[in-house]
């Protein structure tokens, strides 16, 4: 099981985004996740950055936006801004054994692959 939601239940440290994040129910969600071991991943939006955490014992992540990225600024009075960082997306591969591997990839044309 993968749980997908827009506002992540965890704080990112980007204060202006956390202020408009999940306002209620985060602790209850953690208790639910702890009771349901079939939940393998919690994927979230809102933050326009690759961020990894654990919530309710479940690996949780956000990925870059396909548009702009939120400026990475951890100051309490941090800048409310976006940056023209490369767009990106997440891909989650489900194995036959139920194991999930999550990849975060930049999108765009960065030239051909080069052998090592």
N, C-alpha and C. Protein backbone atom coordinates (compact mmCIF):
# COMPACT_ATOMS: atom_id res chain seq x y z
N UNK A 1 0.84 -1.19 0.00
CA UNK A 1 0.00 0.00 0.00
C UNK A 1 0.88 1.24 0.00
N UNK A 2 0.54 2.18 -0.85
CA UNK A 2 1.17 3.49 -0.89
C UNK A 2 0.10 4.51 -0.53
N UNK A 3 0.40 5.38 0.41
CA UNK A 3 -0.51 6.46 0.78
C UNK A 3 0.01 7.73 0.13
N UNK A 4 -0.84 8.39 -0.64
CA UNK A 4 -0.47 9.64 -1.32
C UNK A 4 -1.32 10.77 -0.77
N UNK A 5 -0.67 11.88 -0.47
CA UNK A 5 -1.37 13.05 0.05
C UNK A 5 -0.64 14.31 -0.40
N UNK A 6 -1.32 15.42 -0.37
CA UNK A 6 -0.67 16.65 -0.81
C UNK A 6 0.24 17.22 0.29
N UNK A 7 -0.33 17.65 1.40
CA UNK A 7 0.46 18.24 2.48
C UNK A 7 1.10 17.14 3.32
N UNK A 8 2.42 17.12 3.43
CA UNK A 8 3.07 16.10 4.26
C UNK A 8 2.77 16.31 5.74
N UNK A 9 2.70 15.23 6.50
CA UNK A 9 2.44 15.38 7.94
C UNK A 9 3.68 15.79 8.73
N UNK A 10 4.86 15.70 8.12
CA UNK A 10 6.10 16.05 8.82
C UNK A 10 6.51 17.48 8.48
N UNK A 11 7.25 18.09 9.40
CA UNK A 11 7.77 19.43 9.17
C UNK A 11 9.02 19.32 8.32
N UNK A 12 9.16 20.23 7.38
CA UNK A 12 10.30 20.22 6.46
C UNK A 12 11.44 21.11 6.93
N UNK A 13 11.13 22.05 7.81
CA UNK A 13 12.13 23.04 8.20
C UNK A 13 12.06 24.30 7.34
N UNK A 14 11.27 24.26 6.27
CA UNK A 14 11.04 25.46 5.45
C UNK A 14 9.77 26.10 6.02
N UNK A 15 10.00 27.07 6.90
CA UNK A 15 8.94 27.58 7.77
C UNK A 15 7.69 28.06 7.04
N UNK A 16 7.85 28.84 5.99
CA UNK A 16 6.66 29.37 5.32
C UNK A 16 5.84 28.27 4.67
N UNK A 17 6.46 27.15 4.28
CA UNK A 17 5.71 26.02 3.72
C UNK A 17 5.08 25.19 4.84
N UNK A 18 5.80 25.03 5.96
CA UNK A 18 5.25 24.29 7.09
C UNK A 18 4.02 24.99 7.66
N UNK A 19 4.01 26.33 7.62
CA UNK A 19 2.87 27.08 8.14
C UNK A 19 1.59 26.81 7.35
N UNK A 20 1.73 26.45 6.07
CA UNK A 20 0.54 26.16 5.27
C UNK A 20 0.47 24.66 4.95
N UNK A 21 1.12 23.86 5.78
CA UNK A 21 1.12 22.41 5.61
C UNK A 21 -0.09 21.76 6.26
N UNK A 22 0.03 20.48 6.51
CA UNK A 22 -1.05 19.73 7.16
C UNK A 22 -1.30 20.31 8.54
N UNK A 23 -2.49 20.79 8.77
CA UNK A 23 -2.79 21.49 10.02
C UNK A 23 -3.32 20.56 11.11
N UNK A 24 -4.04 19.53 10.71
CA UNK A 24 -4.64 18.63 11.68
C UNK A 24 -4.51 17.19 11.21
N UNK A 25 -4.43 16.28 12.15
CA UNK A 25 -4.51 14.87 11.83
C UNK A 25 -3.19 14.16 11.64
N UNK A 26 -2.06 14.86 11.71
CA UNK A 26 -0.77 14.22 11.50
C UNK A 26 -0.46 13.14 12.53
N UNK A 27 -0.72 13.43 13.79
CA UNK A 27 -0.45 12.44 14.84
C UNK A 27 -1.38 11.24 14.70
N UNK A 28 -2.63 11.48 14.35
CA UNK A 28 -3.58 10.38 14.13
C UNK A 28 -3.14 9.52 12.96
N UNK A 29 -2.65 10.16 11.89
CA UNK A 29 -2.15 9.41 10.75
C UNK A 29 -0.98 8.53 11.16
N UNK A 30 -0.07 9.05 11.96
CA UNK A 30 1.07 8.25 12.42
C UNK A 30 0.59 7.02 13.18
N UNK A 31 -0.42 7.18 14.04
CA UNK A 31 -0.94 6.03 14.80
C UNK A 31 -1.58 5.00 13.87
N UNK A 32 -2.28 5.46 12.84
CA UNK A 32 -2.89 4.54 11.87
C UNK A 32 -1.81 3.78 11.11
N UNK A 33 -0.79 4.50 10.64
CA UNK A 33 0.29 3.86 9.89
C UNK A 33 1.00 2.81 10.74
N UNK A 34 1.21 3.08 12.00
CA UNK A 34 1.87 2.13 12.89
C UNK A 34 1.08 0.83 13.03
N UNK A 35 -0.25 0.91 12.86
CA UNK A 35 -1.10 -0.29 12.97
C UNK A 35 -1.20 -1.07 11.67
N UNK A 36 -0.72 -0.50 10.56
CA UNK A 36 -0.92 -1.12 9.26
C UNK A 36 0.43 -1.35 8.57
N UNK A 37 1.01 -2.51 8.81
CA UNK A 37 2.35 -2.81 8.32
C UNK A 37 2.41 -2.98 6.80
N UNK A 38 1.26 -3.08 6.14
CA UNK A 38 1.27 -3.21 4.67
C UNK A 38 1.57 -1.88 3.98
N UNK A 39 1.51 -0.76 4.71
CA UNK A 39 1.83 0.54 4.10
C UNK A 39 3.34 0.63 3.95
N UNK A 40 3.79 0.76 2.71
CA UNK A 40 5.23 0.74 2.40
C UNK A 40 5.81 2.12 2.12
N UNK A 41 4.96 3.08 1.74
CA UNK A 41 5.49 4.39 1.38
C UNK A 41 4.39 5.44 1.60
N UNK A 42 4.81 6.62 2.05
CA UNK A 42 3.96 7.79 2.16
C UNK A 42 4.54 8.83 1.22
N UNK A 43 3.82 9.13 0.14
CA UNK A 43 4.32 10.11 -0.83
C UNK A 43 3.47 11.37 -0.74
N UNK A 44 4.15 12.51 -0.77
CA UNK A 44 3.49 13.79 -0.54
C UNK A 44 3.92 14.81 -1.58
N UNK A 45 3.12 15.84 -1.74
CA UNK A 45 3.44 16.95 -2.63
C UNK A 45 3.76 18.19 -1.82
N UNK A 46 3.31 19.32 -2.31
CA UNK A 46 3.32 20.61 -1.64
C UNK A 46 4.69 21.29 -1.55
N UNK A 47 5.76 20.56 -1.30
CA UNK A 47 7.03 21.19 -0.97
C UNK A 47 7.95 21.46 -2.16
N UNK A 48 7.67 20.87 -3.31
CA UNK A 48 8.47 21.14 -4.52
C UNK A 48 9.96 20.94 -4.28
N UNK A 49 10.34 19.94 -3.48
CA UNK A 49 11.74 19.63 -3.20
C UNK A 49 11.85 18.14 -2.89
N UNK A 50 13.01 17.53 -3.12
CA UNK A 50 13.20 16.16 -2.65
C UNK A 50 13.52 16.17 -1.15
N UNK A 51 12.61 15.63 -0.36
CA UNK A 51 12.75 15.60 1.09
C UNK A 51 12.35 14.20 1.55
N UNK A 52 13.15 13.63 2.45
CA UNK A 52 12.91 12.27 2.93
C UNK A 52 12.75 12.29 4.44
N UNK A 53 11.80 11.50 4.93
CA UNK A 53 11.55 11.42 6.36
C UNK A 53 10.93 10.05 6.65
N UNK A 54 10.52 9.85 7.90
CA UNK A 54 9.76 8.67 8.31
C UNK A 54 8.59 9.18 9.12
N UNK A 55 7.40 8.66 8.86
CA UNK A 55 6.22 9.06 9.61
C UNK A 55 5.42 7.82 9.96
N UNK A 56 5.15 7.63 11.22
CA UNK A 56 4.42 6.44 11.64
C UNK A 56 5.14 5.16 11.25
N UNK A 57 6.48 5.20 11.25
CA UNK A 57 7.26 4.04 10.89
C UNK A 57 7.35 3.77 9.40
N UNK A 58 6.82 4.66 8.57
CA UNK A 58 6.78 4.47 7.12
C UNK A 58 7.72 5.48 6.45
N UNK A 59 8.56 5.03 5.51
CA UNK A 59 9.36 5.99 4.74
C UNK A 59 8.45 6.97 4.01
N UNK A 60 8.76 8.25 4.15
CA UNK A 60 7.93 9.30 3.57
C UNK A 60 8.80 10.22 2.73
N UNK A 61 8.26 10.72 1.62
CA UNK A 61 9.05 11.61 0.79
C UNK A 61 8.19 12.57 -0.01
N UNK A 62 8.84 13.67 -0.36
CA UNK A 62 8.32 14.59 -1.37
C UNK A 62 9.35 14.61 -2.49
N UNK A 63 8.95 15.03 -3.65
CA UNK A 63 9.87 15.06 -4.79
C UNK A 63 9.82 16.44 -5.44
N UNK A 64 10.78 16.73 -6.32
CA UNK A 64 10.76 18.03 -6.99
C UNK A 64 9.48 18.20 -7.81
N UNK A 65 9.16 19.42 -8.07
CA UNK A 65 8.02 19.76 -8.92
C UNK A 65 8.43 19.65 -10.39
N UNK A 66 7.47 19.45 -11.24
CA UNK A 66 7.74 19.51 -12.68
C UNK A 66 7.82 20.96 -13.15
N UNK A 67 7.59 21.91 -12.23
CA UNK A 67 7.69 23.34 -12.55
C UNK A 67 8.87 23.91 -11.74
N UNK A 68 8.60 24.90 -10.92
CA UNK A 68 9.63 25.55 -10.11
C UNK A 68 9.84 24.78 -8.80
N UNK A 69 10.96 25.07 -8.13
CA UNK A 69 11.26 24.47 -6.82
C UNK A 69 11.21 25.56 -5.75
N UNK A 70 10.78 25.16 -4.56
CA UNK A 70 10.76 26.09 -3.43
C UNK A 70 12.20 26.33 -2.98
N UNK A 71 12.53 27.59 -2.70
CA UNK A 71 13.89 27.92 -2.24
C UNK A 71 14.16 27.21 -0.91
N UNK A 72 15.34 26.61 -0.81
CA UNK A 72 15.73 25.90 0.40
C UNK A 72 16.31 26.92 1.39
N UNK A 73 15.49 27.32 2.35
CA UNK A 73 15.86 28.34 3.32
C UNK A 73 15.27 27.95 4.66
N UNK A 74 16.14 27.52 5.60
CA UNK A 74 15.67 27.02 6.89
C UNK A 74 15.55 28.10 7.96
N UNK A 75 15.84 29.33 7.63
CA UNK A 75 15.72 30.39 8.64
C UNK A 75 14.25 30.57 9.01
N UNK A 76 14.00 30.89 10.28
CA UNK A 76 12.63 31.07 10.74
C UNK A 76 11.93 32.18 9.95
N UNK A 77 12.67 33.22 9.60
CA UNK A 77 12.12 34.32 8.80
C UNK A 77 12.54 34.15 7.34
N UNK A 78 12.74 32.91 6.93
CA UNK A 78 13.25 32.58 5.60
C UNK A 78 12.45 33.18 4.45
N UNK A 79 13.13 33.30 3.37
CA UNK A 79 12.58 33.88 2.16
C UNK A 79 11.43 33.02 1.61
N UNK A 80 10.31 33.64 1.31
CA UNK A 80 9.20 32.95 0.66
C UNK A 80 9.43 33.12 -0.84
N UNK A 81 10.06 32.12 -1.44
CA UNK A 81 10.48 32.27 -2.82
C UNK A 81 10.60 30.92 -3.51
N UNK A 82 10.67 30.98 -4.84
CA UNK A 82 10.91 29.78 -5.65
C UNK A 82 12.17 29.99 -6.46
N UNK A 83 12.71 28.89 -6.98
CA UNK A 83 13.95 28.93 -7.76
C UNK A 83 13.74 28.16 -9.06
N UNK A 84 14.54 28.51 -10.05
CA UNK A 84 14.51 27.80 -11.33
C UNK A 84 15.48 26.61 -11.30
N UNK A 85 15.35 25.76 -10.30
CA UNK A 85 16.12 24.53 -10.25
C UNK A 85 15.51 23.53 -11.22
N UNK A 86 16.23 22.49 -11.62
CA UNK A 86 15.67 21.55 -12.59
C UNK A 86 14.36 20.93 -12.10
N UNK A 87 13.40 20.80 -13.00
CA UNK A 87 12.17 20.11 -12.64
C UNK A 87 12.46 18.63 -12.41
N UNK A 88 11.57 17.97 -11.70
CA UNK A 88 11.80 16.56 -11.44
C UNK A 88 10.51 15.83 -11.12
N UNK A 89 10.67 14.55 -10.80
CA UNK A 89 9.53 13.69 -10.50
C UNK A 89 10.02 12.46 -9.75
N UNK A 90 9.08 11.70 -9.21
CA UNK A 90 9.40 10.47 -8.51
C UNK A 90 8.86 9.28 -9.28
N UNK A 91 9.59 8.17 -9.22
CA UNK A 91 9.14 6.90 -9.79
C UNK A 91 9.27 5.86 -8.68
N UNK A 92 8.23 5.10 -8.46
CA UNK A 92 8.21 4.11 -7.40
C UNK A 92 8.03 2.73 -8.04
N UNK A 93 9.03 1.88 -7.85
CA UNK A 93 9.02 0.55 -8.45
C UNK A 93 8.59 -0.47 -7.41
N UNK A 94 7.56 -1.23 -7.74
CA UNK A 94 7.03 -2.25 -6.85
C UNK A 94 7.54 -3.61 -7.28
N UNK A 95 8.28 -4.27 -6.39
CA UNK A 95 8.78 -5.60 -6.69
C UNK A 95 7.71 -6.65 -6.42
N UNK A 96 7.92 -7.84 -6.95
CA UNK A 96 6.96 -8.92 -6.75
C UNK A 96 6.81 -9.29 -5.28
N UNK A 97 7.84 -9.02 -4.48
CA UNK A 97 7.78 -9.33 -3.05
C UNK A 97 7.13 -8.21 -2.23
N UNK A 98 6.63 -7.16 -2.89
CA UNK A 98 6.00 -6.04 -2.21
C UNK A 98 6.96 -4.95 -1.79
N UNK A 99 8.24 -5.13 -2.03
CA UNK A 99 9.25 -4.12 -1.70
C UNK A 99 9.15 -2.96 -2.69
N UNK A 100 9.25 -1.74 -2.20
CA UNK A 100 9.19 -0.55 -3.06
C UNK A 100 10.54 0.15 -3.05
N UNK A 101 10.99 0.52 -4.24
CA UNK A 101 12.18 1.35 -4.40
C UNK A 101 11.71 2.65 -5.04
N UNK A 102 12.08 3.78 -4.42
CA UNK A 102 11.67 5.09 -4.93
C UNK A 102 12.88 5.81 -5.53
N UNK A 103 12.70 6.33 -6.73
CA UNK A 103 13.73 7.11 -7.42
C UNK A 103 13.23 8.55 -7.56
N UNK A 104 14.15 9.50 -7.44
CA UNK A 104 13.87 10.90 -7.72
C UNK A 104 14.74 11.27 -8.91
N UNK A 105 14.11 11.78 -9.96
CA UNK A 105 14.83 12.07 -11.20
C UNK A 105 14.57 13.49 -11.65
N UNK A 106 15.61 14.12 -12.21
CA UNK A 106 15.45 15.42 -12.85
C UNK A 106 14.89 15.19 -14.24
N UNK A 107 13.99 16.06 -14.67
CA UNK A 107 13.50 15.95 -16.04
C UNK A 107 14.12 17.06 -16.88
N UNK A 108 14.29 16.78 -18.14
CA UNK A 108 14.91 17.74 -19.05
C UNK A 108 15.93 17.04 -19.91
N UNK A 109 16.48 17.78 -20.83
CA UNK A 109 17.48 17.23 -21.74
C UNK A 109 18.86 17.60 -21.24
N UNK A 110 19.56 16.62 -20.68
CA UNK A 110 20.91 16.83 -20.14
C UNK A 110 21.93 16.09 -20.99
N UNK A 111 21.57 15.81 -22.22
CA UNK A 111 22.48 15.12 -23.13
C UNK A 111 22.37 13.61 -22.98
N UNK A 112 23.13 12.89 -23.79
CA UNK A 112 23.05 11.42 -23.76
C UNK A 112 23.76 10.84 -22.53
N UNK A 113 23.43 9.60 -22.24
CA UNK A 113 24.13 8.88 -21.18
C UNK A 113 25.55 8.57 -21.65
N UNK A 114 26.50 8.64 -20.74
CA UNK A 114 27.90 8.37 -21.07
C UNK A 114 28.36 7.14 -20.31
N UNK A 115 28.99 6.18 -20.98
CA UNK A 115 29.49 5.01 -20.25
C UNK A 115 30.62 5.41 -19.30
N UNK A 116 30.76 4.67 -18.24
CA UNK A 116 31.84 4.92 -17.28
C UNK A 116 33.17 4.52 -17.86
